[in-house]
């Protein structure tokens, strides 16, 4: 191996490492965002345990469980898409990428139906109906809409990122030798899924 080849290999390695570190730093800021909201939730739940429990009974646990299953499965397809690309199976990787996108869209579809039902019954922030409830119930639904809404926005962004990954894979700019973009996209997607794994029991399974 010539000195020039070694130099190029070192450059690729540094670029790969820097890219991964950059993604982990970004995810750290995301953890701070959601971590702050989780702390806020814990404080208000401690102050209003009965009202939080009562409010949670009005949420559709079935839809929440289905969405949890959808996102967990999408994490699997995301990981399989990276594995397939590493093995040089471009078409299979594209199939798994598209499946991940479709499951993300299904999650948002279910969430929009759930939100739509709440809005139909006048249950949304600052609604006249909600303002007749106790302060604990108002806080519960405020946190519910803000936290699940921000999470839904992250899912939407993830879908947009994965659409670009599909395009890059089709064009060949992402392949078995250059897949760090897809790996970083996978890290983001897994993070979004993990956040939902915490949101689901906090809002839907309060005992």
Foldseek 3Di string as FASTA:
>chain_A
DDPVVVVVVVVVVVVLVVLVVVLVVVVVVVCVVVVVLVVVLVVLCVVPVPLLVVLLVPADLVLLVVLLVLLVVLLVLLVVLLVCQLVFNLVSSLVSLVSSLVSLVVSLVSVVVRVVVCVVVQNAQPGPVQVVDDPSNNVNRVSVCVVVVVLNVLSVVLSVLSVVVSVCSVVPVDGSVHPSSSVSSSVSSVSSSVSSVVVSCSRNVRD
